Full PDB file with SEQRES, HELIX, SHEET, SSBOND, CRYST1, ORIGX, SCALE, CONECT and MASTER records, all heavy atoms in Angstrom:
SEQRES   1 A   29  LEU PHE ILE PRO PHE LEU GLU GLU ASN GLY PHE SER VAL          
SEQRES   2 A   29  ARG ILE GLU GLU SER PRO ALA VAL TYR ALA ASP ALA GLY          
SEQRES   3 A   29  TYR MET ALA                                                  
HELIX    1 AA1 ILE A    3  GLU A    8  1                                   6    
HELIX    2 AA2 PRO A   19  ALA A   23  5                                   5    
HELIX    3 AA3 ALA A   25  MET A   28  1                                   4    
CRYST1    1.000    1.000    1.000  90.00  90.00  90.00 P 1           1          
ORIGX1      1.000000  0.000000  0.000000        0.00000                         
ORIGX2      0.000000  1.000000  0.000000        0.00000                         
ORIGX3      0.000000  0.000000  1.000000        0.00000                         
SCALE1      1.000000  0.000000  0.000000        0.00000                         
SCALE2      0.000000  1.000000  0.000000        0.00000                         
SCALE3      0.000000  0.000000  1.000000        0.00000                         
ATOM      1  N   LEU A   1     -10.791 -14.933  13.331  1.00  0.00           N  
ATOM      2  CA  LEU A   1     -10.381 -14.915  14.690  1.00  0.00           C  
ATOM      3  C   LEU A   1      -9.393 -13.809  14.977  1.00  0.00           C  
ATOM      4  O   LEU A   1      -9.311 -13.254  16.103  1.00  0.00           O  
ATOM      5  CB  LEU A   1      -9.764 -16.283  15.131  1.00  0.00           C  
ATOM      6  CG  LEU A   1      -9.448 -16.534  16.626  1.00  0.00           C  
ATOM      7  CD1 LEU A   1     -10.699 -16.582  17.386  1.00  0.00           C  
ATOM      8  CD2 LEU A   1      -8.640 -17.882  16.675  1.00  0.00           C  
ATOM      9  N   PHE A   2      -8.600 -13.444  14.001  1.00  0.00           N  
ATOM     10  CA  PHE A   2      -7.516 -12.471  14.209  1.00  0.00           C  
ATOM     11  C   PHE A   2      -7.757 -11.188  13.562  1.00  0.00           C  
ATOM     12  O   PHE A   2      -7.040 -10.141  13.955  1.00  0.00           O  
ATOM     13  CB  PHE A   2      -6.212 -13.090  13.606  1.00  0.00           C  
ATOM     14  CG  PHE A   2      -5.638 -14.157  14.328  1.00  0.00           C  
ATOM     15  CD1 PHE A   2      -5.904 -15.536  13.827  1.00  0.00           C  
ATOM     16  CD2 PHE A   2      -4.950 -14.119  15.579  1.00  0.00           C  
ATOM     17  CE1 PHE A   2      -5.364 -16.623  14.528  1.00  0.00           C  
ATOM     18  CE2 PHE A   2      -4.540 -15.212  16.212  1.00  0.00           C  
ATOM     19  CZ  PHE A   2      -4.725 -16.502  15.705  1.00  0.00           C  
ATOM     20  N   ILE A   3      -8.768 -10.948  12.743  1.00  0.00           N  
ATOM     21  CA  ILE A   3      -9.034  -9.711  12.162  1.00  0.00           C  
ATOM     22  C   ILE A   3      -9.312  -8.616  13.251  1.00  0.00           C  
ATOM     23  O   ILE A   3      -8.797  -7.480  13.125  1.00  0.00           O  
ATOM     24  CB  ILE A   3     -10.120  -9.764  11.078  1.00  0.00           C  
ATOM     25  CG1 ILE A   3      -9.573 -10.523   9.856  1.00  0.00           C  
ATOM     26  CG2 ILE A   3     -10.686  -8.434  10.673  1.00  0.00           C  
ATOM     27  CD1 ILE A   3     -10.642 -10.911   8.829  1.00  0.00           C  
ATOM     28  N   PRO A   4     -10.205  -8.880  14.231  1.00  0.00           N  
ATOM     29  CA  PRO A   4     -10.425  -7.814  15.204  1.00  0.00           C  
ATOM     30  C   PRO A   4      -9.077  -7.408  15.896  1.00  0.00           C  
ATOM     31  O   PRO A   4      -8.864  -6.137  16.218  1.00  0.00           O  
ATOM     32  CB  PRO A   4     -11.368  -8.454  16.281  1.00  0.00           C  
ATOM     33  CG  PRO A   4     -12.093  -9.486  15.392  1.00  0.00           C  
ATOM     34  CD  PRO A   4     -11.040 -10.019  14.443  1.00  0.00           C  
ATOM     35  N   PHE A   5      -8.197  -8.343  16.197  1.00  0.00           N  
ATOM     36  CA  PHE A   5      -6.945  -8.045  16.750  1.00  0.00           C  
ATOM     37  C   PHE A   5      -6.078  -7.013  15.878  1.00  0.00           C  
ATOM     38  O   PHE A   5      -5.558  -6.022  16.319  1.00  0.00           O  
ATOM     39  CB  PHE A   5      -6.098  -9.225  17.051  1.00  0.00           C  
ATOM     40  CG  PHE A   5      -4.622  -9.002  17.436  1.00  0.00           C  
ATOM     41  CD1 PHE A   5      -4.397  -8.698  18.765  1.00  0.00           C  
ATOM     42  CD2 PHE A   5      -3.672  -8.988  16.513  1.00  0.00           C  
ATOM     43  CE1 PHE A   5      -3.035  -8.420  19.163  1.00  0.00           C  
ATOM     44  CE2 PHE A   5      -2.372  -8.800  16.903  1.00  0.00           C  
ATOM     45  CZ  PHE A   5      -2.065  -8.482  18.228  1.00  0.00           C  
ATOM     46  N   LEU A   6      -6.091  -7.321  14.537  1.00  0.00           N  
ATOM     47  CA  LEU A   6      -5.298  -6.432  13.697  1.00  0.00           C  
ATOM     48  C   LEU A   6      -6.010  -4.983  13.699  1.00  0.00           C  
ATOM     49  O   LEU A   6      -5.239  -4.030  13.704  1.00  0.00           O  
ATOM     50  CB  LEU A   6      -5.349  -7.034  12.254  1.00  0.00           C  
ATOM     51  CG  LEU A   6      -4.495  -8.283  12.056  1.00  0.00           C  
ATOM     52  CD1 LEU A   6      -4.805  -8.960  10.735  1.00  0.00           C  
ATOM     53  CD2 LEU A   6      -2.995  -7.975  12.160  1.00  0.00           C  
ATOM     54  N   GLU A   7      -7.268  -4.951  13.666  1.00  0.00           N  
ATOM     55  CA  GLU A   7      -7.963  -3.683  13.550  1.00  0.00           C  
ATOM     56  C   GLU A   7      -7.700  -2.873  14.924  1.00  0.00           C  
ATOM     57  O   GLU A   7      -7.508  -1.629  14.836  1.00  0.00           O  
ATOM     58  CB  GLU A   7      -9.437  -3.877  13.384  1.00  0.00           C  
ATOM     59  CG  GLU A   7      -9.761  -4.412  12.001  1.00  0.00           C  
ATOM     60  CD  GLU A   7     -11.233  -4.788  11.775  1.00  0.00           C  
ATOM     61  OE1 GLU A   7     -11.925  -5.023  12.842  1.00  0.00           O  
ATOM     62  OE2 GLU A   7     -11.711  -4.820  10.607  1.00  0.00           O  
ATOM     63  N   GLU A   8      -7.711  -3.569  15.983  1.00  0.00           N  
ATOM     64  CA  GLU A   8      -7.386  -2.944  17.342  1.00  0.00           C  
ATOM     65  C   GLU A   8      -5.991  -2.400  17.318  1.00  0.00           C  
ATOM     66  O   GLU A   8      -5.651  -1.478  18.080  1.00  0.00           O  
ATOM     67  CB  GLU A   8      -7.593  -3.899  18.466  1.00  0.00           C  
ATOM     68  CG  GLU A   8      -9.104  -4.332  18.650  1.00  0.00           C  
ATOM     69  CD  GLU A   8      -9.198  -5.511  19.533  1.00  0.00           C  
ATOM     70  OE1 GLU A   8      -8.256  -6.003  20.025  1.00  0.00           O  
ATOM     71  OE2 GLU A   8     -10.419  -6.014  19.717  1.00  0.00           O  
ATOM     72  N   ASN A   9      -5.133  -2.997  16.482  1.00  0.00           N  
ATOM     73  CA  ASN A   9      -3.762  -2.544  16.532  1.00  0.00           C  
ATOM     74  C   ASN A   9      -3.455  -1.711  15.387  1.00  0.00           C  
ATOM     75  O   ASN A   9      -2.278  -1.524  14.908  1.00  0.00           O  
ATOM     76  CB  ASN A   9      -2.784  -3.731  16.614  1.00  0.00           C  
ATOM     77  CG  ASN A   9      -2.670  -4.327  17.949  1.00  0.00           C  
ATOM     78  OD1 ASN A   9      -1.846  -3.962  18.719  1.00  0.00           O  
ATOM     79  ND2 ASN A   9      -3.501  -5.271  18.309  1.00  0.00           N  
ATOM     80  N   GLY A  10      -4.409  -1.014  14.796  1.00  0.00           N  
ATOM     81  CA  GLY A  10      -4.180   0.065  13.825  1.00  0.00           C  
ATOM     82  C   GLY A  10      -4.092  -0.354  12.374  1.00  0.00           C  
ATOM     83  O   GLY A  10      -3.580   0.408  11.522  1.00  0.00           O  
ATOM     84  N   PHE A  11      -4.576  -1.600  12.023  1.00  0.00           N  
ATOM     85  CA  PHE A  11      -4.572  -2.010  10.701  1.00  0.00           C  
ATOM     86  C   PHE A  11      -5.905  -1.858   9.974  1.00  0.00           C  
ATOM     87  O   PHE A  11      -6.934  -2.274  10.583  1.00  0.00           O  
ATOM     88  CB  PHE A  11      -4.109  -3.446  10.554  1.00  0.00           C  
ATOM     89  CG  PHE A  11      -2.706  -3.644  10.847  1.00  0.00           C  
ATOM     90  CD1 PHE A  11      -2.218  -3.932  12.163  1.00  0.00           C  
ATOM     91  CD2 PHE A  11      -1.666  -3.653   9.811  1.00  0.00           C  
ATOM     92  CE1 PHE A  11      -0.901  -4.202  12.424  1.00  0.00           C  
ATOM     93  CE2 PHE A  11      -0.342  -3.846  10.049  1.00  0.00           C  
ATOM     94  CZ  PHE A  11       0.003  -4.041  11.419  1.00  0.00           C  
ATOM     95  N   SER A  12      -5.832  -1.417   8.716  1.00  0.00           N  
ATOM     96  CA  SER A  12      -7.009  -1.429   7.890  1.00  0.00           C  
ATOM     97  C   SER A  12      -7.064  -2.821   7.171  1.00  0.00           C  
ATOM     98  O   SER A  12      -5.962  -3.110   6.492  1.00  0.00           O  
ATOM     99  CB  SER A  12      -7.055  -0.278   6.898  1.00  0.00           C  
ATOM    100  OG  SER A  12      -8.089  -0.450   5.921  1.00  0.00           O  
ATOM    101  N   VAL A  13      -7.960  -3.634   7.233  1.00  0.00           N  
ATOM    102  CA  VAL A  13      -7.803  -5.049   6.739  1.00  0.00           C  
ATOM    103  C   VAL A  13      -8.624  -5.220   5.484  1.00  0.00           C  
ATOM    104  O   VAL A  13      -9.800  -4.830   5.352  1.00  0.00           O  
ATOM    105  CB  VAL A  13      -8.348  -6.014   7.797  1.00  0.00           C  
ATOM    106  CG1 VAL A  13      -8.267  -7.418   7.284  1.00  0.00           C  
ATOM    107  CG2 VAL A  13      -7.617  -5.895   9.123  1.00  0.00           C  
ATOM    108  N   ARG A  14      -8.007  -5.757   4.421  1.00  0.00           N  
ATOM    109  CA  ARG A  14      -8.706  -6.176   3.193  1.00  0.00           C  
ATOM    110  C   ARG A  14      -8.585  -7.637   3.119  1.00  0.00           C  
ATOM    111  O   ARG A  14      -7.600  -8.275   3.416  1.00  0.00           O  
ATOM    112  CB  ARG A  14      -7.928  -5.531   2.034  1.00  0.00           C  
ATOM    113  CG  ARG A  14      -8.474  -6.044   0.621  1.00  0.00           C  
ATOM    114  CD  ARG A  14      -7.796  -5.262  -0.460  1.00  0.00           C  
ATOM    115  NE  ARG A  14      -8.068  -5.838  -1.806  1.00  0.00           N  
ATOM    116  CZ  ARG A  14      -7.686  -5.364  -2.952  1.00  0.00           C  
ATOM    117  NH1 ARG A  14      -7.018  -4.290  -2.923  1.00  0.00           N  
ATOM    118  NH2 ARG A  14      -7.929  -6.026  -4.081  1.00  0.00           N  
ATOM    119  N   ILE A  15      -9.691  -8.249   2.797  1.00  0.00           N  
ATOM    120  CA  ILE A  15      -9.771  -9.793   2.638  1.00  0.00           C  
ATOM    121  C   ILE A  15      -9.917 -10.158   1.216  1.00  0.00           C  
ATOM    122  O   ILE A  15     -10.789  -9.593   0.456  1.00  0.00           O  
ATOM    123  CB  ILE A  15     -10.924 -10.346   3.459  1.00  0.00           C  
ATOM    124  CG1 ILE A  15     -10.881  -9.905   4.901  1.00  0.00           C  
ATOM    125  CG2 ILE A  15     -11.043 -11.863   3.288  1.00  0.00           C  
ATOM    126  CD1 ILE A  15     -12.140 -10.179   5.716  1.00  0.00           C  
ATOM    127  N   GLU A  16      -9.069 -11.170   0.742  1.00  0.00           N  
ATOM    128  CA  GLU A  16      -9.159 -11.718  -0.556  1.00  0.00           C  
ATOM    129  C   GLU A  16      -9.288 -13.253  -0.424  1.00  0.00           C  
ATOM    130  O   GLU A  16      -8.631 -13.818   0.417  1.00  0.00           O  
ATOM    131  CB  GLU A  16      -7.985 -11.367  -1.425  1.00  0.00           C  
ATOM    132  CG  GLU A  16      -7.897  -9.843  -1.708  1.00  0.00           C  
ATOM    133  CD  GLU A  16      -8.967  -9.402  -2.731  1.00  0.00           C  
ATOM    134  OE1 GLU A  16      -9.464 -10.326  -3.491  1.00  0.00           O  
ATOM    135  OE2 GLU A  16      -9.374  -8.175  -2.757  1.00  0.00           O  
ATOM    136  N   GLU A  17     -10.011 -13.855  -1.413  1.00  0.00           N  
ATOM    137  CA  GLU A  17     -10.264 -15.281  -1.339  1.00  0.00           C  
ATOM    138  C   GLU A  17      -9.276 -16.048  -2.215  1.00  0.00           C  
ATOM    139  O   GLU A  17      -9.477 -17.333  -2.422  1.00  0.00           O  
ATOM    140  CB  GLU A  17     -11.698 -15.618  -1.662  1.00  0.00           C  
ATOM    141  CG  GLU A  17     -12.700 -14.796  -0.892  1.00  0.00           C  
ATOM    142  CD  GLU A  17     -12.676 -15.075   0.611  1.00  0.00           C  
ATOM    143  OE1 GLU A  17     -12.213 -16.169   0.987  1.00  0.00           O  
ATOM    144  OE2 GLU A  17     -13.109 -14.222   1.330  1.00  0.00           O  
ATOM    145  N   SER A  18      -8.359 -15.396  -2.815  1.00  0.00           N  
ATOM    146  CA  SER A  18      -7.310 -16.100  -3.703  1.00  0.00           C  
ATOM    147  C   SER A  18      -6.137 -15.259  -3.789  1.00  0.00           C  
ATOM    148  O   SER A  18      -6.039 -14.060  -3.376  1.00  0.00           O  
ATOM    149  CB  SER A  18      -7.925 -16.271  -5.152  1.00  0.00           C  
ATOM    150  OG  SER A  18      -7.711 -15.123  -5.838  1.00  0.00           O  
ATOM    151  N   PRO A  19      -5.000 -15.775  -4.162  1.00  0.00           N  
ATOM    152  CA  PRO A  19      -3.727 -15.012  -4.364  1.00  0.00           C  
ATOM    153  C   PRO A  19      -3.668 -14.113  -5.577  1.00  0.00           C  
ATOM    154  O   PRO A  19      -2.638 -13.506  -5.824  1.00  0.00           O  
ATOM    155  CB  PRO A  19      -2.691 -16.109  -4.473  1.00  0.00           C  
ATOM    156  CG  PRO A  19      -3.380 -17.294  -5.148  1.00  0.00           C  
ATOM    157  CD  PRO A  19      -4.795 -17.271  -4.618  1.00  0.00           C  
ATOM    158  N   ALA A  20      -4.757 -13.951  -6.306  1.00  0.00           N  
ATOM    159  CA  ALA A  20      -4.779 -13.112  -7.496  1.00  0.00           C  
ATOM    160  C   ALA A  20      -4.261 -11.710  -7.251  1.00  0.00           C  
ATOM    161  O   ALA A  20      -3.695 -11.084  -7.998  1.00  0.00           O  
ATOM    162  CB  ALA A  20      -6.181 -13.134  -8.193  1.00  0.00           C  
ATOM    163  N   VAL A  21      -4.705 -11.253  -6.018  1.00  0.00           N  
ATOM    164  CA  VAL A  21      -4.367  -9.892  -5.631  1.00  0.00           C  
ATOM    165  C   VAL A  21      -2.822  -9.636  -5.688  1.00  0.00           C  
ATOM    166  O   VAL A  21      -2.359  -8.462  -5.789  1.00  0.00           O  
ATOM    167  CB  VAL A  21      -4.969  -9.566  -4.273  1.00  0.00           C  
ATOM    168  CG1 VAL A  21      -4.378 -10.353  -3.123  1.00  0.00           C  
ATOM    169  CG2 VAL A  21      -4.896  -8.020  -3.975  1.00  0.00           C  
ATOM    170  N   TYR A  22      -2.074 -10.600  -5.439  1.00  0.00           N  
ATOM    171  CA  TYR A  22      -0.601 -10.504  -5.367  1.00  0.00           C  
ATOM    172  C   TYR A  22      -0.073  -9.931  -6.685  1.00  0.00           C  
ATOM    173  O   TYR A  22       1.057  -9.338  -6.662  1.00  0.00           O  
ATOM    174  CB  TYR A  22       0.098 -11.828  -5.081  1.00  0.00           C  
ATOM    175  CG  TYR A  22      -0.130 -12.382  -3.701  1.00  0.00           C  
ATOM    176  CD1 TYR A  22      -0.127 -13.780  -3.500  1.00  0.00           C  
ATOM    177  CD2 TYR A  22      -0.487 -11.604  -2.578  1.00  0.00           C  
ATOM    178  CE1 TYR A  22      -0.219 -14.303  -2.209  1.00  0.00           C  
ATOM    179  CE2 TYR A  22      -0.651 -12.090  -1.356  1.00  0.00           C  
ATOM    180  CZ  TYR A  22      -0.581 -13.456  -1.100  1.00  0.00           C  
ATOM    181  OH  TYR A  22      -0.724 -14.033   0.079  1.00  0.00           O  
ATOM    182  N   ALA A  23      -0.747 -10.122  -7.780  1.00  0.00           N  
ATOM    183  CA  ALA A  23      -0.289  -9.632  -9.044  1.00  0.00           C  
ATOM    184  C   ALA A  23      -0.525  -8.133  -9.222  1.00  0.00           C  
ATOM    185  O   ALA A  23      -0.058  -7.544 -10.277  1.00  0.00           O  
ATOM    186  CB  ALA A  23      -0.926 -10.392 -10.163  1.00  0.00           C  
ATOM    187  N   ASP A  24      -1.202  -7.512  -8.352  1.00  0.00           N  
ATOM    188  CA  ASP A  24      -1.518  -6.027  -8.474  1.00  0.00           C  
ATOM    189  C   ASP A  24      -0.403  -5.331  -7.765  1.00  0.00           C  
ATOM    190  O   ASP A  24      -0.445  -5.014  -6.522  1.00  0.00           O  
ATOM    191  CB  ASP A  24      -2.820  -5.826  -7.754  1.00  0.00           C  
ATOM    192  CG  ASP A  24      -3.290  -4.354  -7.929  1.00  0.00           C  
ATOM    193  OD1 ASP A  24      -2.420  -3.466  -8.235  1.00  0.00           O  
ATOM    194  OD2 ASP A  24      -4.451  -4.005  -7.591  1.00  0.00           O  
ATOM    195  N   ALA A  25       0.641  -4.908  -8.559  1.00  0.00           N  
ATOM    196  CA  ALA A  25       1.896  -4.359  -7.986  1.00  0.00           C  
ATOM    197  C   ALA A  25       1.512  -3.043  -7.315  1.00  0.00           C  
ATOM    198  O   ALA A  25       2.231  -2.744  -6.248  1.00  0.00           O  
ATOM    199  CB  ALA A  25       2.903  -4.138  -9.103  1.00  0.00           C  
ATOM    200  N   GLY A  26       0.645  -2.269  -7.879  1.00  0.00           N  
ATOM    201  CA  GLY A  26       0.410  -0.928  -7.299  1.00  0.00           C  
ATOM    202  C   GLY A  26      -0.224  -1.092  -5.845  1.00  0.00           C  
ATOM    203  O   GLY A  26       0.248  -0.361  -4.979  1.00  0.00           O  
ATOM    204  N   TYR A  27      -1.123  -2.045  -5.697  1.00  0.00           N  
ATOM    205  CA  TYR A  27      -1.757  -2.205  -4.430  1.00  0.00           C  
ATOM    206  C   TYR A  27      -0.760  -2.809  -3.420  1.00  0.00           C  
ATOM    207  O   TYR A  27      -0.637  -2.405  -2.300  1.00  0.00           O  
ATOM    208  CB  TYR A  27      -3.049  -3.131  -4.549  1.00  0.00           C  
ATOM    209  CG  TYR A  27      -3.522  -3.487  -3.184  1.00  0.00           C  
ATOM    210  CD1 TYR A  27      -4.078  -2.565  -2.281  1.00  0.00           C  
ATOM    211  CD2 TYR A  27      -3.377  -4.900  -2.762  1.00  0.00           C  
ATOM    212  CE1 TYR A  27      -4.502  -2.975  -1.075  1.00  0.00           C  
ATOM    213  CE2 TYR A  27      -3.776  -5.258  -1.475  1.00  0.00           C  
ATOM    214  CZ  TYR A  27      -4.413  -4.290  -0.637  1.00  0.00           C  
ATOM    215  OH  TYR A  27      -4.717  -4.677   0.602  1.00  0.00           O  
ATOM    216  N   MET A  28      -0.066  -3.865  -3.884  1.00  0.00           N  
ATOM    217  CA  MET A  28       0.891  -4.596  -3.066  1.00  0.00           C  
ATOM    218  C   MET A  28       1.962  -3.638  -2.455  1.00  0.00           C  
ATOM    219  O   MET A  28       2.372  -3.938  -1.362  1.00  0.00           O  
ATOM    220  CB  MET A  28       1.527  -5.726  -3.759  1.00  0.00           C  
ATOM    221  CG  MET A  28       0.643  -6.864  -4.164  1.00  0.00           C  
ATOM    222  SD  MET A  28      -0.271  -7.626  -2.686  1.00  0.00           S  
ATOM    223  CE  MET A  28       1.141  -8.275  -1.947  1.00  0.00           C  
ATOM    224  N   ALA A  29       2.315  -2.638  -3.096  1.00  0.00           N  
ATOM    225  CA  ALA A  29       3.259  -1.623  -2.633  1.00  0.00           C  
ATOM    226  C   ALA A  29       2.726  -0.918  -1.422  1.00  0.00           C  
ATOM    227  O   ALA A  29       3.558  -0.360  -0.594  1.00  0.00           O  
ATOM    228  CB  ALA A  29       3.597  -0.615  -3.711  1.00  0.00           C  
TER     229      ALA A  29                                                      
MASTER        0    0    0    3    0    0    0    6  228    1    0    3          
END                                                                             
């Protein structure tokens, strides 16, 4: 519901289905 709003406001959106991505320090920065 909110992804189009984010894109309209200048965000590139990445979707993840678990918090595993939080451990990727390089990306999280």
